[in-house]
Amino acid sequence: MIISSKKRAGMSLVEVVISSAIVLLISMAFISINLLYLKTSDTSIKTVKATYLIEEGVEAVNFLKDKDWAGLGVVGVNYYLVWIGTTWQATTTKSYIDQVFERKYSFENVNRDSNMNITLVGGTVDLNTRKLTVQVSWSDISGTTTKSMSSYLMKP
């Protein structure tokens, strides 16, 4: 009994379609991973920049405080920092940093109880202390992100 064997001369159309689909799926997975990496990287970079801008804002307001406590600003009003030549200046006109970040700051009154401890409820307003809040906001594809930091300022 003789058994004949046929040799295959090439790939069938089904094999080509299946291998193309596998290559396509692997390529799409790599592209998706790369896009996720880029989005995460961009978010991280902006968060780090915003953190530095907040810290810089607190230091700039401290500089303004040392220069002129009475002219520091009104409680409840948003102020923006502008670098003019060799000094910081506060303004109520919105300003953007790198045309991306909006940095603003505001003050709140600080109340103290009879033991001179800061209290959230009751007490009397301490005219020599203010609560400073610096906020940095930016917009991207996922919406607006805001980071903030609060600190207390005392009259020099």
N, C-alpha and C. Protein backbone atom coordinates (compact mmCIF):
# COMPACT_ATOMS: atom_id res chain seq x y z
N MET A 1 0.83 -1.15 0.00
CA MET A 1 0.00 0.00 0.00
C MET A 1 0.89 1.23 0.00
N ILE A 2 0.62 2.07 -0.90
CA ILE A 2 1.40 3.29 -1.08
C ILE A 2 0.55 4.48 -0.62
N ILE A 3 1.14 5.24 0.24
CA ILE A 3 0.47 6.43 0.73
C ILE A 3 1.14 7.63 0.08
N SER A 4 0.32 8.42 -0.54
CA SER A 4 0.88 9.60 -1.19
C SER A 4 0.73 10.82 -0.27
N SER A 5 1.69 11.59 -0.27
CA SER A 5 1.62 12.82 0.55
C SER A 5 1.72 14.03 -0.36
N LYS A 6 0.90 14.96 -0.06
CA LYS A 6 0.90 16.20 -0.84
C LYS A 6 1.66 17.25 -0.06
N LYS A 7 2.47 17.94 -0.73
CA LYS A 7 3.18 19.05 -0.10
C LYS A 7 2.38 20.33 -0.33
N ARG A 8 2.34 21.12 0.71
CA ARG A 8 1.62 22.38 0.59
C ARG A 8 2.56 23.40 -0.06
N ALA A 9 2.04 24.07 -1.02
CA ALA A 9 2.85 25.00 -1.77
C ALA A 9 2.84 26.41 -1.19
N GLY A 10 1.88 26.77 -0.34
CA GLY A 10 1.82 28.12 0.21
C GLY A 10 0.77 28.23 1.29
N MET A 11 0.52 29.46 1.72
CA MET A 11 -0.47 29.67 2.77
C MET A 11 -1.83 29.90 2.15
N SER A 12 -2.83 29.43 2.83
CA SER A 12 -4.18 29.63 2.34
C SER A 12 -4.65 31.04 2.72
N LEU A 13 -5.71 31.46 2.13
CA LEU A 13 -6.26 32.79 2.39
C LEU A 13 -6.69 32.92 3.85
N VAL A 14 -7.20 31.89 4.45
CA VAL A 14 -7.64 31.91 5.84
C VAL A 14 -6.44 32.16 6.75
N GLU A 15 -5.34 31.53 6.50
CA GLU A 15 -4.14 31.73 7.32
C GLU A 15 -3.63 33.16 7.21
N VAL A 16 -3.69 33.75 6.04
CA VAL A 16 -3.26 35.13 5.85
C VAL A 16 -4.16 36.09 6.64
N VAL A 17 -5.46 35.88 6.59
CA VAL A 17 -6.41 36.74 7.30
C VAL A 17 -6.20 36.61 8.82
N ILE A 18 -6.02 35.42 9.32
CA ILE A 18 -5.83 35.20 10.75
C ILE A 18 -4.52 35.84 11.22
N SER A 19 -3.46 35.64 10.49
CA SER A 19 -2.18 36.23 10.90
C SER A 19 -2.23 37.76 10.81
N SER A 20 -2.92 38.32 9.84
CA SER A 20 -3.08 39.77 9.73
C SER A 20 -3.89 40.31 10.92
N ALA A 21 -4.92 39.59 11.32
CA ALA A 21 -5.73 40.02 12.46
C ALA A 21 -4.91 40.01 13.75
N ILE A 22 -4.07 38.99 13.92
CA ILE A 22 -3.22 38.91 15.11
C ILE A 22 -2.23 40.08 15.14
N VAL A 23 -1.60 40.36 14.01
CA VAL A 23 -0.67 41.48 13.93
C VAL A 23 -1.39 42.81 14.21
N LEU A 24 -2.59 42.97 13.69
CA LEU A 24 -3.38 44.18 13.91
C LEU A 24 -3.73 44.35 15.40
N LEU A 25 -4.15 43.28 16.06
CA LEU A 25 -4.48 43.35 17.48
C LEU A 25 -3.27 43.72 18.33
N ILE A 26 -2.13 43.13 18.03
CA ILE A 26 -0.92 43.44 18.77
C ILE A 26 -0.52 44.90 18.54
N SER A 27 -0.62 45.37 17.31
CA SER A 27 -0.29 46.77 17.00
C SER A 27 -1.23 47.73 17.72
N MET A 28 -2.52 47.42 17.76
CA MET A 28 -3.48 48.27 18.45
C MET A 28 -3.21 48.30 19.95
N ALA A 29 -2.80 47.18 20.52
CA ALA A 29 -2.47 47.14 21.94
C ALA A 29 -1.27 48.04 22.23
N PHE A 30 -0.25 47.98 21.40
CA PHE A 30 0.92 48.84 21.59
C PHE A 30 0.56 50.31 21.44
N ILE A 31 -0.28 50.65 20.48
CA ILE A 31 -0.69 52.04 20.29
C ILE A 31 -1.50 52.53 21.50
N SER A 32 -2.40 51.69 22.01
CA SER A 32 -3.19 52.07 23.18
C SER A 32 -2.31 52.29 24.40
N ILE A 33 -1.34 51.43 24.61
CA ILE A 33 -0.42 51.57 25.73
C ILE A 33 0.39 52.86 25.58
N ASN A 34 0.83 53.16 24.37
CA ASN A 34 1.60 54.37 24.12
C ASN A 34 0.76 55.62 24.38
N LEU A 35 -0.49 55.64 23.95
CA LEU A 35 -1.37 56.79 24.18
C LEU A 35 -1.64 56.98 25.67
N LEU A 36 -1.84 55.90 26.40
CA LEU A 36 -2.03 55.98 27.85
C LEU A 36 -0.78 56.54 28.52
N TYR A 37 0.38 56.10 28.07
CA TYR A 37 1.64 56.60 28.62
C TYR A 37 1.77 58.11 28.38
N LEU A 38 1.46 58.56 27.16
CA LEU A 38 1.58 59.98 26.84
C LEU A 38 0.61 60.82 27.67
N LYS A 39 -0.62 60.35 27.85
CA LYS A 39 -1.60 61.09 28.64
C LYS A 39 -1.15 61.17 30.10
N THR A 40 -0.69 60.06 30.65
CA THR A 40 -0.22 60.03 32.04
C THR A 40 1.00 60.93 32.21
N SER A 41 1.90 60.90 31.26
CA SER A 41 3.09 61.72 31.31
C SER A 41 2.73 63.20 31.28
N ASP A 42 1.83 63.59 30.41
CA ASP A 42 1.41 64.98 30.30
C ASP A 42 0.74 65.44 31.60
N THR A 43 -0.12 64.60 32.17
CA THR A 43 -0.78 64.95 33.43
C THR A 43 0.24 65.11 34.55
N SER A 44 1.21 64.23 34.60
CA SER A 44 2.24 64.30 35.65
C SER A 44 3.07 65.58 35.51
N ILE A 45 3.44 65.92 34.31
CA ILE A 45 4.24 67.12 34.07
C ILE A 45 3.46 68.36 34.50
N LYS A 46 2.18 68.43 34.15
CA LYS A 46 1.38 69.59 34.52
C LYS A 46 1.16 69.66 36.03
N THR A 47 1.00 68.51 36.67
CA THR A 47 0.83 68.50 38.12
C THR A 47 2.09 69.00 38.83
N VAL A 48 3.24 68.58 38.35
CA VAL A 48 4.51 69.04 38.95
C VAL A 48 4.68 70.54 38.73
N LYS A 49 4.40 71.02 37.53
CA LYS A 49 4.50 72.46 37.27
C LYS A 49 3.54 73.24 38.16
N ALA A 50 2.31 72.73 38.31
CA ALA A 50 1.32 73.41 39.15
C ALA A 50 1.79 73.48 40.60
N THR A 51 2.41 72.41 41.07
CA THR A 51 2.93 72.40 42.44
C THR A 51 4.00 73.46 42.63
N TYR A 52 4.90 73.58 41.67
CA TYR A 52 5.94 74.61 41.75
C TYR A 52 5.32 76.01 41.68
N LEU A 53 4.30 76.19 40.85
CA LEU A 53 3.65 77.50 40.74
C LEU A 53 2.93 77.87 42.03
N ILE A 54 2.36 76.88 42.72
CA ILE A 54 1.71 77.15 44.00
C ILE A 54 2.75 77.60 45.02
N GLU A 55 3.85 76.86 45.10
CA GLU A 55 4.91 77.23 46.04
C GLU A 55 5.47 78.62 45.73
N GLU A 56 5.67 78.90 44.46
CA GLU A 56 6.16 80.22 44.05
C GLU A 56 5.14 81.30 44.43
N GLY A 57 3.85 81.00 44.27
CA GLY A 57 2.81 81.95 44.64
C GLY A 57 2.82 82.29 46.11
N VAL A 58 2.98 81.26 46.96
CA VAL A 58 3.05 81.51 48.40
C VAL A 58 4.25 82.38 48.74
N GLU A 59 5.39 82.08 48.14
CA GLU A 59 6.60 82.89 48.39
C GLU A 59 6.44 84.32 47.89
N ALA A 60 5.78 84.49 46.74
CA ALA A 60 5.58 85.84 46.20
C ALA A 60 4.65 86.65 47.10
N VAL A 61 3.59 86.03 47.62
CA VAL A 61 2.69 86.75 48.52
C VAL A 61 3.42 87.08 49.82
N ASN A 62 4.27 86.18 50.30
CA ASN A 62 5.09 86.49 51.48
C ASN A 62 5.98 87.70 51.23
N PHE A 63 6.54 87.78 50.03
CA PHE A 63 7.35 88.94 49.65
C PHE A 63 6.51 90.21 49.69
N LEU A 64 5.29 90.14 49.12
CA LEU A 64 4.40 91.30 49.12
C LEU A 64 3.99 91.67 50.54
N LYS A 65 3.79 90.67 51.38
CA LYS A 65 3.43 90.91 52.79
C LYS A 65 4.52 91.68 53.50
N ASP A 66 5.76 91.27 53.29
CA ASP A 66 6.88 91.94 53.96
C ASP A 66 7.05 93.38 53.47
N LYS A 67 6.67 93.60 52.22
CA LYS A 67 6.81 94.93 51.62
C LYS A 67 5.71 95.89 52.09
N ASP A 68 4.45 95.41 52.14
CA ASP A 68 3.34 96.31 52.47
C ASP A 68 2.15 95.50 52.96
N TRP A 69 2.04 95.30 54.28
CA TRP A 69 0.94 94.52 54.86
C TRP A 69 -0.41 95.19 54.57
N ALA A 70 -0.48 96.50 54.69
CA ALA A 70 -1.75 97.20 54.51
C ALA A 70 -2.25 97.12 53.07
N GLY A 71 -1.34 97.06 52.12
CA GLY A 71 -1.72 97.00 50.71
C GLY A 71 -1.78 95.59 50.15
N LEU A 72 -1.81 94.61 51.04
CA LEU A 72 -1.77 93.21 50.61
C LEU A 72 -3.00 92.79 49.82
N GLY A 73 -4.15 93.26 50.21
CA GLY A 73 -5.36 92.91 49.49
C GLY A 73 -6.55 92.80 50.42
N VAL A 74 -7.72 92.68 49.83
CA VAL A 74 -8.98 92.62 50.55
C VAL A 74 -9.41 91.16 50.70
N VAL A 75 -10.00 90.84 51.83
CA VAL A 75 -10.49 89.50 52.08
C VAL A 75 -11.61 89.17 51.10
N GLY A 76 -11.57 87.96 50.53
CA GLY A 76 -12.62 87.49 49.64
C GLY A 76 -12.47 87.85 48.17
N VAL A 77 -11.42 88.55 47.81
CA VAL A 77 -11.19 88.94 46.42
C VAL A 77 -10.08 88.08 45.84
N ASN A 78 -10.26 87.64 44.59
CA ASN A 78 -9.21 86.86 43.92
C ASN A 78 -8.18 87.81 43.31
N TYR A 79 -6.91 87.51 43.57
CA TYR A 79 -5.80 88.28 43.03
C TYR A 79 -4.92 87.36 42.19
N TYR A 80 -4.22 87.97 41.25
CA TYR A 80 -3.31 87.24 40.37
C TYR A 80 -1.93 87.88 40.49
N LEU A 81 -0.91 87.06 40.37
CA LEU A 81 0.46 87.54 40.50
C LEU A 81 1.07 87.79 39.13
N VAL A 82 1.75 88.93 39.02
CA VAL A 82 2.42 89.28 37.78
C VAL A 82 3.85 89.69 38.12
N TRP A 83 4.81 89.16 37.37
CA TRP A 83 6.21 89.53 37.55
C TRP A 83 6.48 90.71 36.63
N ILE A 84 6.81 91.86 37.23
CA ILE A 84 7.07 93.07 36.44
C ILE A 84 8.52 93.48 36.69
N GLY A 85 9.35 93.22 35.72
CA GLY A 85 10.75 93.62 35.80
C GLY A 85 11.52 92.90 36.88
N THR A 86 11.52 93.48 38.08
CA THR A 86 12.31 92.92 39.17
C THR A 86 11.49 92.62 40.41
N THR A 87 10.17 92.70 40.30
CA THR A 87 9.34 92.51 41.50
C THR A 87 7.99 91.90 41.15
N TRP A 88 7.35 91.37 42.18
CA TRP A 88 6.00 90.83 42.04
C TRP A 88 4.98 91.94 42.25
N GLN A 89 3.87 91.81 41.53
CA GLN A 89 2.78 92.75 41.72
C GLN A 89 1.47 91.97 41.69
N ALA A 90 0.53 92.38 42.56
CA ALA A 90 -0.79 91.76 42.61
C ALA A 90 -1.75 92.55 41.74
N THR A 91 -2.62 91.83 41.04
CA THR A 91 -3.61 92.47 40.18
C THR A 91 -4.91 91.66 40.24
N THR A 92 -6.01 92.30 39.90
CA THR A 92 -7.28 91.59 39.84
C THR A 92 -7.60 91.13 38.42
N THR A 93 -6.71 91.42 37.48
CA THR A 93 -6.87 90.99 36.10
C THR A 93 -6.30 89.58 35.94
N LYS A 94 -7.10 88.70 35.35
CA LYS A 94 -6.64 87.33 35.17
C LYS A 94 -5.35 87.29 34.36
N SER A 95 -4.46 86.41 34.77
CA SER A 95 -3.24 86.21 34.01
C SER A 95 -2.94 84.72 33.95
N TYR A 96 -2.34 84.32 32.85
CA TYR A 96 -2.02 82.91 32.63
C TYR A 96 -0.52 82.74 32.51
N ILE A 97 -0.05 81.61 33.01
CA ILE A 97 1.36 81.28 32.95
C ILE A 97 1.53 80.24 31.85
N ASP A 98 2.41 80.52 30.91
CA ASP A 98 2.63 79.65 29.74
C ASP A 98 1.34 79.43 28.96
N GLN A 99 0.39 80.33 29.08
CA GLN A 99 -0.91 80.26 28.42
C GLN A 99 -1.66 78.98 28.76
N VAL A 100 -1.33 78.37 29.90
CA VAL A 100 -1.96 77.12 30.32
C VAL A 100 -2.50 77.24 31.75
N PHE A 101 -1.67 77.72 32.65
CA PHE A 101 -1.99 77.72 34.08
C PHE A 101 -2.55 79.06 34.53
N GLU A 102 -3.61 79.01 35.32
CA GLU A 102 -4.17 80.20 35.94
C GLU A 102 -3.86 80.11 37.44
N ARG A 103 -3.10 81.08 37.94
CA ARG A 103 -2.75 81.09 39.35
C ARG A 103 -3.42 82.29 40.00
N LYS A 104 -4.15 82.02 41.08
CA LYS A 104 -4.80 83.10 41.81
C LYS A 104 -4.66 82.84 43.31
N TYR A 105 -4.83 83.90 44.07
CA TYR A 105 -4.79 83.74 45.52
C TYR A 105 -5.86 84.61 46.14
N SER A 106 -6.25 84.23 47.35
CA SER A 106 -7.24 85.00 48.09
C SER A 106 -6.95 84.89 49.58
N PHE A 107 -7.57 85.79 50.33
CA PHE A 107 -7.39 85.83 51.77
C PHE A 107 -8.71 85.56 52.47
N GLU A 108 -8.60 85.02 53.68
CA GLU A 108 -9.74 84.86 54.58
C GLU A 108 -9.34 85.44 55.93
N ASN A 109 -10.35 85.92 56.67
CA ASN A 109 -10.08 86.37 58.02
C ASN A 109 -9.75 85.18 58.91
N VAL A 110 -8.98 85.43 59.95
CA VAL A 110 -8.63 84.42 60.93
C VAL A 110 -9.24 84.82 62.26
N ASN A 111 -9.98 83.92 62.87
CA ASN A 111 -10.59 84.18 64.17
C ASN A 111 -9.80 83.46 65.25
N ARG A 112 -9.69 84.10 66.41
CA ARG A 112 -9.00 83.50 67.55
C ARG A 112 -9.93 83.49 68.76
N ASP A 113 -9.78 82.44 69.57
CA ASP A 113 -10.57 82.34 70.79
C ASP A 113 -9.87 83.10 71.92
N SER A 114 -10.38 82.97 73.14
CA SER A 114 -9.84 83.73 74.27
C SER A 114 -8.41 83.31 74.63
N ASN A 115 -8.00 82.11 74.21
CA ASN A 115 -6.63 81.64 74.46
C ASN A 115 -5.69 81.97 73.31
N MET A 116 -6.18 82.75 72.33
CA MET A 116 -5.42 83.15 71.15
C MET A 116 -5.15 81.99 70.19
N ASN A 117 -5.94 80.92 70.30
CA ASN A 117 -5.85 79.81 69.35
C ASN A 117 -6.75 80.10 68.17
N ILE A 118 -6.34 79.69 66.98
CA ILE A 118 -7.17 79.87 65.78
C ILE A 118 -8.39 78.97 65.90
N THR A 119 -9.55 79.54 65.64
CA THR A 119 -10.79 78.79 65.73
C THR A 119 -11.61 79.01 64.46
N LEU A 120 -12.35 77.99 64.07
CA LEU A 120 -13.19 78.10 62.88
C LEU A 120 -14.55 78.67 63.20
N VAL A 121 -14.97 78.51 64.46
CA VAL A 121 -16.29 79.00 64.87
C VAL A 121 -16.12 79.97 66.03
N GLY A 122 -16.75 81.12 65.92
CA GLY A 122 -16.69 82.09 67.01
C GLY A 122 -15.36 82.81 67.09
N GLY A 123 -15.10 83.38 68.23
CA GLY A 123 -13.85 84.11 68.41
C GLY A 123 -13.93 85.50 67.82
N THR A 124 -12.80 86.17 67.86
CA THR A 124 -12.72 87.51 67.29
C THR A 124 -11.72 87.52 66.14
N VAL A 125 -11.94 88.43 65.22
CA VAL A 125 -11.07 88.53 64.05
C VAL A 125 -9.70 89.05 64.47
N ASP A 126 -8.67 88.33 64.06
CA ASP A 126 -7.28 88.75 64.33
C ASP A 126 -6.82 89.59 63.14
N LEU A 127 -6.63 90.88 63.36
CA LEU A 127 -6.25 91.79 62.28
C LEU A 127 -4.79 91.63 61.86
N ASN A 128 -4.02 90.87 62.62
CA ASN A 128 -2.60 90.66 62.31
C ASN A 128 -2.33 89.31 61.64
N THR A 129 -3.38 88.55 61.34
CA THR A 129 -3.22 87.23 60.71
C THR A 129 -4.27 87.07 59.62
N ARG A 130 -3.84 86.49 58.51
CA ARG A 130 -4.76 86.17 57.42
C ARG A 130 -4.47 84.76 56.92
N LYS A 131 -5.51 84.11 56.44
CA LYS A 131 -5.33 82.80 55.82
C LYS A 131 -5.20 83.02 54.31
N LEU A 132 -4.12 82.54 53.76
CA LEU A 132 -3.83 82.67 52.33
C LEU A 132 -4.12 81.34 51.64
N THR A 133 -4.82 81.38 50.53
CA THR A 133 -5.04 80.20 49.70
C THR A 133 -4.59 80.52 48.28
N VAL A 134 -3.66 79.73 47.77
CA VAL A 134 -3.16 79.87 46.40
C VAL A 134 -3.69 78.70 45.59
N GLN A 135 -4.29 79.00 44.45
CA GLN A 135 -4.84 77.96 43.56
C GLN A 135 -4.21 78.06 42.19
N VAL A 136 -3.95 76.90 41.59
CA VAL A 136 -3.50 76.83 40.21
C VAL A 136 -4.44 75.90 39.48
N SER A 137 -4.97 76.37 38.34
CA SER A 137 -5.91 75.58 37.54
C SER A 137 -5.40 75.48 36.12
N TRP A 138 -5.75 74.38 35.46
CA TRP A 138 -5.46 74.23 34.05
C TRP A 138 -6.48 73.29 33.43
N SER A 139 -6.67 73.43 32.13
CA SER A 139 -7.63 72.59 31.41
C SER A 139 -6.90 71.69 30.44
N ASP A 140 -7.45 70.50 30.28
CA ASP A 140 -6.95 69.57 29.28
C ASP A 140 -8.12 68.74 28.77
N ILE A 141 -7.85 67.65 28.12
CA ILE A 141 -8.89 66.83 27.51
C ILE A 141 -9.89 66.32 28.54
N SER A 142 -9.42 65.98 29.73
CA SER A 142 -10.29 65.39 30.74
C SER A 142 -11.03 66.43 31.58
N GLY A 143 -10.84 67.72 31.32
CA GLY A 143 -11.54 68.77 32.06
C GLY A 143 -10.58 69.72 32.74
N THR A 144 -11.10 70.44 33.73
CA THR A 144 -10.30 71.41 34.47
C THR A 144 -9.80 70.78 35.77
N THR A 145 -8.53 70.96 36.03
CA THR A 145 -7.91 70.45 37.26
C THR A 145 -7.46 71.64 38.09
N THR A 146 -7.70 71.57 39.39
CA THR A 146 -7.30 72.65 40.30
C THR A 146 -6.53 72.05 41.47
N LYS A 147 -5.41 72.65 41.77
CA LYS A 147 -4.61 72.30 42.94
C LYS A 147 -4.50 73.55 43.80
N SER A 148 -4.49 73.37 45.12
CA SER A 148 -4.41 74.54 45.99
C SER A 148 -3.62 74.22 47.25
N MET A 149 -3.20 75.30 47.92
CA MET A 149 -2.49 75.18 49.18
C MET A 149 -2.86 76.40 50.03
N SER A 150 -3.03 76.17 51.32
CA SER A 150 -3.36 77.26 52.25
C SER A 150 -2.23 77.43 53.26
N SER A 151 -2.12 78.66 53.73
CA SER A 151 -1.07 79.02 54.68
C SER A 151 -1.56 80.21 55.48
N TYR A 152 -0.97 80.44 56.64
CA TYR A 152 -1.30 81.60 57.44
C TYR A 152 -0.20 82.63 57.33
N LEU A 153 -0.60 83.89 57.17
CA LEU A 153 0.34 85.00 57.12
C LEU A 153 0.16 85.85 58.36
N MET A 154 1.26 86.25 58.95
CA MET A 154 1.19 87.13 60.12
C MET A 154 1.87 88.45 59.77
N LYS A 155 1.31 89.51 60.32
CA LYS A 155 1.85 90.84 60.08
C LYS A 155 3.29 90.92 60.59
N PRO A 156 4.20 91.45 59.76
CA PRO A 156 5.61 91.52 60.18
C PRO A 156 5.83 92.53 61.31
